[in-house]
Amino acid sequence: MRINTKLTIGLLVLLFLAVWVTALFTLFFDTFEVRERHAGLIADSIINNRLVMPLLNYQYLSEKGDALVAGIAAVPFFLVLGPGYLSLKLTALFITVSTLVLWLAFARKYYGYLAMLFFGLFFIFSPPSFTKASLMSWGFHSQANLFIILSLLMFSYLNFDKKGNGPKYLYLFLGLACGFGLYSVKIFAVFLAALIIFWFFIEKNFFLKFKFYFFLAGFAVGYSPGALYNIRGGKYLVQVTDMPLWKFYFDNFLLRLKGVISTVFVDLPGSFMFSGPGNWANYLYFGLFLFCMAVMYFGAPDKKGDAKKALFRFMVFYLFLFAVALNFCPHTLEPKY
């Protein structure tokens, strides 16, 4: 029987909308955050020409453009539906469904139909903590996923489909996506670090080639709003919570290193919030996730064998690096036990 991938993706999107729109109205009063209102102010000010200072000055935090980017993204919804929380929620929903479609395309291309199906179901029936955060237009960590999958799709196409010989302009766009992702959500820095390290392992001399400089040029353009804001304010070029990025992550190096395993296998599932921390559903969901990772690795199409193994190693490395970064920074997964 011939599998219709497009039909499956369409059905998964419809199921996503049915489940998440229900969640939107069920959890409506649990999905308010001050940065979302700031994003709404920005969208309304742009539409009605009420900006009282340069747009870049509307950043909610000096370190990133999260709410500013969300406010700009909300402009079309404010134009069609008018100013209000519903427009902001639909902005977040649109970003999330776009992220889902791109991840489904990636999973199908490199890991096959079954992996795509499992991924879609995990994404649709996600932990409540992820669902709530993704239903807020505040440019938060969950919405960094859009920049991650955009970058990963381009990187995979250039380095595996085109064997590192893709058109130079795509490296420019890859850099642009990475730079703007870092400006929008600082947690993207972990993915970017993993990507650069992985790039080095698959192509040792990539930094000596013109394509890398196209990437750097795109990155400079993408991150230019953040660089301009920080330089103009006399701050660090790349900062997190008013301190340089390196200091944020690497204070108390040895003390934080020992908590990496606990972060992955205890704190991470504990943050899913299925009926509160410590609930068995958190660990069941995490166990199913690990099982599906194995299915993804062993069930990919043979013609993509080299790419799927390399990309799988990259994703495992990224998960590990994320746990390391989390232990090196002052933040923790909530709630704690």
Protein backbone atom coordinates (compact mmCIF):
# COMPACT_ATOMS: atom_id res chain seq x y z
CA MET A 1 0.00 0.00 0.00
CA ARG A 2 1.35 3.40 -1.00
CA ILE A 3 1.73 5.81 1.90
CA ASN A 4 0.48 9.34 1.28
CA THR A 5 2.83 11.55 3.29
CA LYS A 6 1.08 14.82 2.45
CA LEU A 7 -2.28 13.42 3.55
CA THR A 8 -0.76 12.19 6.81
CA ILE A 9 0.82 15.58 7.50
CA GLY A 10 -2.51 17.24 6.75
CA LEU A 11 -4.35 14.93 9.16
CA LEU A 12 -1.72 15.51 11.85
CA VAL A 13 -2.11 19.27 11.44
CA LEU A 14 -5.91 18.96 11.75
CA LEU A 15 -5.49 16.83 14.88
CA PHE A 16 -3.03 19.38 16.24
CA LEU A 17 -5.49 22.21 15.69
CA ALA A 18 -8.34 20.26 17.28
CA VAL A 19 -6.29 19.41 20.39
CA TRP A 20 -4.46 22.71 20.77
CA VAL A 21 -7.44 24.97 20.10
CA THR A 22 -9.28 23.01 22.81
CA ALA A 23 -6.25 23.50 25.08
CA LEU A 24 -6.18 27.19 24.17
CA PHE A 25 -9.67 27.82 25.51
CA THR A 26 -9.34 25.32 28.37
CA LEU A 27 -6.06 26.82 29.61
CA PHE A 28 -6.80 30.39 28.47
CA PHE A 29 -6.40 32.00 31.89
CA ASP A 30 -3.24 29.98 32.60
CA THR A 31 -1.42 31.38 29.57
CA PHE A 32 -0.96 35.05 30.43
CA GLU A 33 2.48 36.63 30.78
CA VAL A 34 3.53 40.27 30.92
CA ARG A 35 5.77 39.99 27.85
CA GLU A 36 2.76 38.91 25.82
CA ARG A 37 0.96 42.15 26.66
CA HIS A 38 4.12 44.02 25.68
CA ALA A 39 4.06 42.21 22.32
CA GLY A 40 0.46 43.29 21.89
CA LEU A 41 1.40 46.89 22.61
CA ILE A 42 4.10 46.74 19.93
CA ALA A 43 1.73 45.27 17.32
CA ASP A 44 -0.95 47.86 18.08
CA SER A 45 1.58 50.72 18.01
CA ILE A 46 2.94 49.62 14.62
CA ILE A 47 -0.54 49.38 13.08
CA ASN A 48 -1.75 52.72 14.43
CA ASN A 49 1.56 54.55 13.90
CA ARG A 50 1.93 55.22 17.62
CA LEU A 51 5.58 54.30 18.04
CA VAL A 52 7.12 56.97 20.25
CA MET A 53 10.72 55.78 19.85
CA PRO A 54 12.75 53.60 17.45
CA LEU A 55 11.32 50.09 17.17
CA LEU A 56 14.49 48.48 18.54
CA ASN A 57 13.97 50.37 21.81
CA TYR A 58 10.81 48.35 22.42
CA GLN A 59 12.82 45.28 23.45
CA TYR A 60 11.37 44.02 26.72
CA LEU A 61 14.78 42.77 27.91
CA SER A 62 18.12 44.20 26.92
CA GLU A 63 19.58 40.77 26.16
CA LYS A 64 17.11 39.55 23.48
CA GLY A 65 14.31 40.57 21.18
CA ASP A 66 11.75 37.96 22.25
CA ALA A 67 8.67 40.13 22.86
CA LEU A 68 9.65 42.55 20.09
CA VAL A 69 9.81 39.75 17.52
CA ALA A 70 6.52 38.32 18.81
CA GLY A 71 4.91 41.77 18.54
CA ILE A 72 5.99 42.16 14.91
CA ALA A 73 4.73 38.64 14.14
CA ALA A 74 1.35 39.54 15.67
CA VAL A 75 0.76 42.49 13.31
CA PRO A 76 -1.10 40.47 10.59
CA PHE A 77 -3.41 38.94 13.21
CA PHE A 78 -4.13 42.34 14.75
CA LEU A 79 -4.95 43.69 11.28
CA VAL A 80 -7.42 40.86 10.55
CA LEU A 81 -8.93 40.20 13.99
CA GLY A 82 -8.24 43.44 15.82
CA PRO A 83 -6.21 44.01 19.00
CA GLY A 84 -6.81 41.48 21.74
CA TYR A 85 -5.61 38.34 23.44
CA LEU A 86 -7.19 36.10 20.80
CA SER A 87 -4.95 37.64 18.13
CA LEU A 88 -1.91 37.03 20.33
CA LYS A 89 -2.91 33.43 20.98
CA LEU A 90 -3.45 32.78 17.28
CA THR A 91 0.00 34.25 16.58
CA ALA A 92 1.52 31.73 18.96
CA LEU A 93 -0.60 28.95 17.45
CA PHE A 94 0.54 29.86 13.93
CA ILE A 95 4.21 29.81 14.98
CA THR A 96 3.73 26.44 16.64
CA VAL A 97 1.88 24.79 13.75
CA SER A 98 4.57 26.10 11.35
CA THR A 99 7.19 24.53 13.60
CA LEU A 100 5.29 21.23 13.61
CA VAL A 101 5.03 21.08 9.81
CA LEU A 102 8.76 21.73 9.39
CA TRP A 103 9.66 19.06 11.96
CA LEU A 104 7.34 16.57 10.25
CA ALA A 105 9.03 17.26 6.92
CA PHE A 106 12.45 16.76 8.52
CA ALA A 107 11.45 13.52 10.24
CA ARG A 108 9.88 12.11 7.07
CA LYS A 109 12.85 13.01 4.89
CA TYR A 110 15.60 11.59 7.08
CA TYR A 111 13.89 9.05 9.33
CA GLY A 112 10.86 7.74 7.49
CA TYR A 113 7.11 7.66 7.82
CA LEU A 114 6.93 5.93 11.19
CA ALA A 115 9.28 8.41 12.85
CA MET A 116 7.26 11.28 11.39
CA LEU A 117 4.04 9.81 12.73
CA PHE A 118 5.45 9.26 16.22
CA PHE A 119 6.95 12.74 16.29
CA GLY A 120 3.66 14.31 15.28
CA LEU A 121 1.76 12.50 18.02
CA PHE A 122 4.34 13.44 20.66
CA PHE A 123 4.20 17.05 19.56
CA ILE A 124 0.40 17.17 19.52
CA PHE A 125 -0.02 15.48 22.89
CA SER A 126 2.85 17.34 24.48
CA PRO A 127 3.45 17.94 28.21
CA PRO A 128 1.23 20.70 29.65
CA SER A 129 4.27 22.86 30.46
CA PHE A 130 5.27 22.92 26.78
CA THR A 131 1.70 23.46 25.58
CA LYS A 132 1.11 26.43 27.88
CA ALA A 133 4.41 28.10 27.01
CA SER A 134 3.78 27.60 23.28
CA LEU A 135 0.35 29.26 23.52
CA MET A 136 1.87 32.56 24.63
CA SER A 137 3.19 35.13 22.13
CA TRP A 138 6.25 36.10 24.11
CA GLY A 139 9.09 34.69 22.02
CA PHE A 140 10.00 32.28 24.81
CA HIS A 141 12.12 29.10 24.78
CA SER A 142 9.45 26.90 23.22
CA GLN A 143 9.27 29.21 20.20
CA ALA A 144 13.02 28.87 19.65
CA ASN A 145 11.99 25.58 18.02
CA LEU A 146 11.05 27.43 14.84
CA PHE A 147 14.58 28.80 14.40
CA ILE A 148 16.07 25.44 15.36
CA ILE A 149 14.19 23.43 12.73
CA LEU A 150 14.71 26.10 10.04
CA SER A 151 18.45 25.99 10.69
CA LEU A 152 18.56 22.20 10.96
CA LEU A 153 16.69 21.71 7.68
CA MET A 154 19.04 24.01 5.78
CA PHE A 155 22.13 22.55 7.44
CA SER A 156 21.04 18.97 6.69
CA TYR A 157 20.20 19.78 3.07
CA LEU A 158 23.54 21.51 2.49
CA ASN A 159 25.76 18.98 4.24
CA PHE A 160 24.02 15.68 3.46
CA ASP A 161 21.81 16.14 0.40
CA LYS A 162 24.32 18.40 -1.35
CA LYS A 163 27.40 16.87 0.33
CA GLY A 164 28.67 20.30 1.37
CA ASN A 165 28.48 21.69 -2.17
CA GLY A 166 25.17 23.52 -2.02
CA PRO A 167 24.63 27.06 -3.36
CA LYS A 168 26.41 29.74 -1.37
CA TYR A 169 23.27 31.82 -0.86
CA LEU A 170 21.78 29.02 1.24
CA TYR A 171 24.72 29.32 3.64
CA LEU A 172 23.87 33.02 3.82
CA PHE A 173 20.27 32.13 4.74
CA LEU A 174 21.49 29.55 7.25
CA GLY A 175 23.58 32.22 8.95
CA LEU A 176 20.66 34.64 8.83
CA ALA A 177 18.36 32.11 10.55
CA CYS A 178 21.01 31.36 13.20
CA GLY A 179 21.78 35.03 13.85
CA PHE A 180 18.16 36.09 14.13
CA GLY A 181 17.37 33.01 16.24
CA LEU A 182 20.11 34.00 18.69
CA TYR A 183 18.81 37.58 18.80
CA SER A 184 15.23 36.43 19.40
CA VAL A 185 15.79 33.71 22.01
CA LYS A 186 19.13 33.35 23.79
CA ILE A 187 18.59 29.66 24.50
CA PHE A 188 19.22 29.20 20.78
CA ALA A 189 22.91 29.66 21.66
CA VAL A 190 23.04 26.04 22.85
CA PHE A 191 21.78 24.74 19.51
CA LEU A 192 24.16 27.05 17.65
CA ALA A 193 27.14 25.78 19.65
CA ALA A 194 26.12 22.16 18.97
CA LEU A 195 25.73 22.92 15.26
CA ILE A 196 29.18 24.52 14.92
CA ILE A 197 30.86 21.67 16.81
CA PHE A 198 29.01 19.08 14.71
CA TRP A 199 29.94 20.93 11.51
CA PHE A 200 33.60 20.69 12.55
CA PHE A 201 33.37 16.92 13.05
CA ILE A 202 31.84 16.26 9.65
CA GLU A 203 34.06 18.76 7.80
CA LYS A 204 37.27 19.63 9.62
CA ASN A 205 38.30 22.56 7.42
CA PHE A 206 34.88 24.15 6.85
CA PHE A 207 36.03 27.43 8.43
CA LEU A 208 38.60 27.85 5.64
CA LYS A 209 36.01 27.74 2.86
CA PHE A 210 34.03 30.59 1.32
CA LYS A 211 30.70 29.01 2.30
CA PHE A 212 31.54 29.52 5.98
CA TYR A 213 32.12 33.22 5.37
CA PHE A 214 28.76 33.42 3.64
CA PHE A 215 27.35 31.83 6.80
CA LEU A 216 29.15 34.39 8.98
CA ALA A 217 27.87 37.26 6.83
CA GLY A 218 24.30 36.02 7.20
CA PHE A 219 24.80 35.54 10.92
CA ALA A 220 26.08 39.10 11.30
CA VAL A 221 23.01 40.46 9.53
CA GLY A 222 20.65 38.24 11.53
CA TYR A 223 22.15 39.19 14.88
CA SER A 224 22.67 42.86 13.98
CA PRO A 225 19.62 44.11 15.96
CA GLY A 226 21.00 42.54 19.15
CA ALA A 227 24.54 43.74 18.47
CA LEU A 228 23.33 47.27 17.74
CA TYR A 229 21.17 47.38 20.87
CA ASN A 230 23.92 46.10 23.16
CA ILE A 231 26.73 48.21 21.71
CA ARG A 232 24.58 51.33 21.78
CA GLY A 233 23.79 50.68 25.44
CA GLY A 234 27.42 49.99 26.37
CA LYS A 235 26.66 46.34 27.15
CA TYR A 236 28.26 43.02 26.19
CA LEU A 237 27.87 42.02 22.55
CA VAL A 238 26.15 38.74 23.54
CA GLN A 239 24.68 38.74 27.04
CA VAL A 240 22.24 36.83 29.23
CA THR A 241 20.65 38.41 32.33
CA ASP A 242 23.03 41.40 32.15
CA MET A 243 26.22 39.32 32.18
CA PRO A 244 28.45 38.06 29.34
CA LEU A 245 27.40 34.73 27.85
CA TRP A 246 30.57 32.92 28.95
CA LYS A 247 30.15 34.00 32.59
CA PHE A 248 26.47 33.02 32.61
CA TYR A 249 27.28 29.43 31.63
CA PHE A 250 30.70 28.67 33.11
CA ASP A 251 30.73 29.98 36.67
CA ASN A 252 31.24 27.10 39.13
CA PHE A 253 32.21 24.71 36.32
CA LEU A 254 33.06 21.58 38.33
CA LEU A 255 30.14 21.97 40.74
CA ARG A 256 27.63 22.09 37.89
CA LEU A 257 29.14 19.30 35.80
CA LYS A 258 28.03 16.55 38.17
CA GLY A 259 24.36 17.44 37.77
CA VAL A 260 24.12 16.71 34.03
CA ILE A 261 22.81 13.12 34.29
CA SER A 262 20.28 14.12 36.94
CA THR A 263 19.06 16.92 34.69
CA VAL A 264 18.35 14.57 31.77
CA PHE A 265 16.76 11.66 33.63
CA VAL A 266 15.18 13.30 36.72
CA ASP A 267 14.64 17.04 36.29
CA LEU A 268 13.66 16.93 32.62
CA PRO A 269 10.76 14.47 32.94
CA GLY A 270 9.83 16.11 36.23
CA SER A 271 9.23 19.38 34.39
CA PHE A 272 6.56 17.93 32.08
CA MET A 273 3.85 18.65 34.67
CA PHE A 274 1.44 15.80 33.98
CA SER A 275 -0.60 16.21 37.18
CA GLY A 276 2.35 17.75 39.02
CA PRO A 277 6.02 16.79 39.60
CA GLY A 278 6.77 13.19 40.50
CA ASN A 279 3.69 11.84 38.74
CA TRP A 280 4.22 8.50 36.98
CA ALA A 281 2.86 9.96 33.72
CA ASN A 282 5.93 12.19 33.45
CA TYR A 283 8.26 9.20 33.35
CA LEU A 284 5.98 7.13 31.13
CA TYR A 285 6.00 9.94 28.57
CA PHE A 286 9.78 10.24 28.81
CA GLY A 287 10.20 6.48 28.46
CA LEU A 288 8.05 6.47 25.32
CA PHE A 289 10.15 9.34 24.00
CA LEU A 290 13.37 7.33 24.47
CA PHE A 291 11.75 4.31 22.81
CA CYS A 292 10.75 6.40 19.80
CA MET A 293 14.26 7.78 19.54
CA ALA A 294 15.40 4.17 19.07
CA VAL A 295 12.67 3.59 16.47
CA MET A 296 13.79 6.72 14.64
CA TYR A 297 17.38 5.50 14.57
CA PHE A 298 16.73 1.95 13.39
CA GLY A 299 13.70 2.57 11.19
CA ALA A 300 14.97 5.17 8.72
CA PRO A 301 15.07 4.62 4.93
CA ASP A 302 18.26 2.88 3.85
CA LYS A 303 19.09 5.52 1.24
CA LYS A 304 19.40 8.06 4.04
CA GLY A 305 21.44 5.76 6.26
CA ASP A 306 24.54 7.93 6.54
CA ALA A 307 22.58 11.12 7.11
CA LYS A 308 20.20 9.60 9.65
CA LYS A 309 23.00 8.22 11.80
CA ALA A 310 24.96 11.45 11.71
CA LEU A 311 21.90 13.58 12.47
CA PHE A 312 20.87 11.22 15.25
CA ARG A 313 24.30 11.63 16.85
CA PHE A 314 23.90 15.38 16.49
CA MET A 315 20.50 15.36 18.25
CA VAL A 316 21.84 13.23 21.12
CA PHE A 317 24.84 15.55 21.40
CA TYR A 318 22.53 18.57 21.41
CA LEU A 319 20.44 17.04 24.22
CA PHE A 320 23.60 16.39 26.22
CA LEU A 321 24.95 19.89 25.56
CA PHE A 322 21.61 21.37 26.59
CA ALA A 323 21.78 19.50 29.90
CA VAL A 324 25.36 20.69 30.41
CA ALA A 325 24.40 24.30 29.63
CA LEU A 326 21.44 24.12 32.00
CA ASN A 327 23.69 22.95 34.83
CA PHE A 328 26.25 25.65 34.09
CA CYS A 329 23.74 28.51 34.20
CA PRO A 330 21.83 29.88 37.22
CA HIS A 331 18.47 28.56 35.95
CA THR A 332 16.86 25.22 36.77
CA LEU A 333 14.04 23.10 35.38
CA GLU A 334 10.92 23.74 37.39
CA PRO A 335 9.35 22.47 39.52
CA LYS A 336 12.08 21.03 41.72
CA TYR A 337 11.42 17.99 43.89
